[in-house]
Amino acid sequence: MLGKEELEKIKKEIESEFPNDFALQQIHIARKIIAKEAEMKGLSYFDYIKLSIEDMKAVQ
C-alpha cells in the first residue's frame, strides 16, 4: 500500500497534467496507484489486476 506522501505526489502530478477535468484526473490517479502497487509486488500491471480479480472471486 502506498503512503500518504506518495499518494499526494501522484495526485498533484495528475492534477497538473489534466487541470480542468476531474473525472480524467480520477481515472489516471487510480491507474498510477495500481501501477505502483503492482511494481511493489514485482508484477506487471495486468498480472496485478488479474490477481486482484482472482482474490475478489475467492472472497465471494
C-alpha atoms as a PDB file:
ATOM      1  CA  MET A   1       0.000   0.000   0.000  1.00  0.00           C
ATOM      2  CA  LEU A   2       1.256   3.456  -0.847  1.00  0.00           C
ATOM      3  CA  GLY A   3       1.945   6.052   1.771  1.00  0.00           C
ATOM      4  CA  LYS A   4       0.134   9.344   2.125  1.00  0.00           C
ATOM      5  CA  GLU A   5       3.079  11.318   0.686  1.00  0.00           C
ATOM      6  CA  GLU A   6       3.268   9.096  -2.389  1.00  0.00           C
ATOM      7  CA  LEU A   7      -0.479   9.432  -2.968  1.00  0.00           C
ATOM      8  CA  GLU A   8      -0.266  13.233  -2.689  1.00  0.00           C
ATOM      9  CA  LYS A   9       2.638  13.291  -5.151  1.00  0.00           C
ATOM     10  CA  ILE A  10       0.635  11.253  -7.677  1.00  0.00           C
ATOM     11  CA  LYS A  11      -2.430  13.450  -7.176  1.00  0.00           C
ATOM     12  CA  LYS A  12      -0.518  16.695  -7.741  1.00  0.00           C
ATOM     13  CA  GLU A  13       1.254  15.301 -10.800  1.00  0.00           C
ATOM     14  CA  ILE A  14      -2.009  14.217 -12.412  1.00  0.00           C
ATOM     15  CA  GLU A  15      -3.845  17.419 -11.486  1.00  0.00           C
ATOM     16  CA  SER A  16      -1.179  19.424 -13.318  1.00  0.00           C
ATOM     17  CA  GLU A  17      -1.483  17.191 -16.396  1.00  0.00           C
ATOM     18  CA  PHE A  18      -5.303  17.440 -16.517  1.00  0.00           C
ATOM     19  CA  PRO A  19      -6.174  20.679 -14.681  1.00  0.00           C
ATOM     20  CA  ASN A  20      -9.742  21.070 -15.894  1.00  0.00           C
ATOM     21  CA  ASP A  21     -11.036  17.503 -15.986  1.00  0.00           C
ATOM     22  CA  PHE A  22     -11.769  15.977 -12.584  1.00  0.00           C
ATOM     23  CA  ALA A  23     -13.073  12.678 -13.989  1.00  0.00           C
ATOM     24  CA  LEU A  24      -9.967  12.157 -16.109  1.00  0.00           C
ATOM     25  CA  GLN A  25      -7.809  13.010 -13.087  1.00  0.00           C
ATOM     26  CA  GLN A  26      -9.512  10.304 -11.033  1.00  0.00           C
ATOM     27  CA  ILE A  27      -9.008   7.678 -13.732  1.00  0.00           C
ATOM     28  CA  HIS A  28      -5.322   8.467 -14.111  1.00  0.00           C
ATOM     29  CA  ILE A  29      -4.750   8.646 -10.352  1.00  0.00           C
ATOM     30  CA  ALA A  30      -6.289   5.188  -9.968  1.00  0.00           C
ATOM     31  CA  ARG A  31      -4.168   3.778 -12.800  1.00  0.00           C
ATOM     32  CA  LYS A  32      -0.973   5.234 -11.311  1.00  0.00           C
ATOM     33  CA  ILE A  33      -1.802   3.769  -7.895  1.00  0.00           C
ATOM     34  CA  ILE A  34      -2.452   0.345  -9.406  1.00  0.00           C
ATOM     35  CA  ALA A  35       0.795   0.527 -11.388  1.00  0.00           C
ATOM     36  CA  LYS A  36       2.817   1.468  -8.287  1.00  0.00           C
ATOM     37  CA  GLU A  37       1.258  -1.311  -6.197  1.00  0.00           C
ATOM     38  CA  ALA A  38       1.966  -3.830  -8.966  1.00  0.00           C
ATOM     39  CA  GLU A  39       5.563  -2.657  -9.156  1.00  0.00           C
ATOM     40  CA  MET A  40       5.951  -3.026  -5.387  1.00  0.00           C
ATOM     41  CA  LYS A  41       4.795  -6.650  -5.656  1.00  0.00           C
ATOM     42  CA  GLY A  42       7.019  -7.356  -8.647  1.00  0.00           C
ATOM     43  CA  LEU A  43       4.093  -7.880 -11.010  1.00  0.00           C
ATOM     44  CA  SER A  44       3.112  -6.365 -14.308  1.00  0.00           C
ATOM     45  CA  TYR A  45       0.104  -4.042 -14.353  1.00  0.00           C
ATOM     46  CA  PHE A  46      -2.124  -6.685 -15.948  1.00  0.00           C
ATOM     47  CA  ASP A  47      -0.903  -9.537 -13.747  1.00  0.00           C
ATOM     48  CA  TYR A  48      -1.697  -7.431 -10.683  1.00  0.00           C
ATOM     49  CA  ILE A  49      -5.216  -6.772 -11.948  1.00  0.00           C
ATOM     50  CA  LYS A  50      -5.740 -10.481 -12.725  1.00  0.00           C
ATOM     51  CA  LEU A  51      -4.521 -11.390  -9.243  1.00  0.00           C
ATOM     52  CA  SER A  52      -6.891  -8.828  -7.697  1.00  0.00           C
ATOM     53  CA  ILE A  53      -9.832 -10.264  -9.644  1.00  0.00           C
ATOM     54  CA  GLU A  54      -8.939 -13.792  -8.523  1.00  0.00           C
ATOM     55  CA  ASP A  55      -8.782 -12.578  -4.913  1.00  0.00           C
ATOM     56  CA  MET A  56     -12.214 -10.958  -5.242  1.00  0.00           C
ATOM     57  CA  LYS A  57     -13.697 -14.162  -6.688  1.00  0.00           C
ATOM     58  CA  ALA A  58     -12.251 -16.179  -3.814  1.00  0.00           C
ATOM     59  CA  VAL A  59     -13.983 -13.914  -1.289  1.00  0.00           C
ATOM     60  CA  GLN A  60     -17.394 -14.332  -2.925  1.00  0.00           C
END
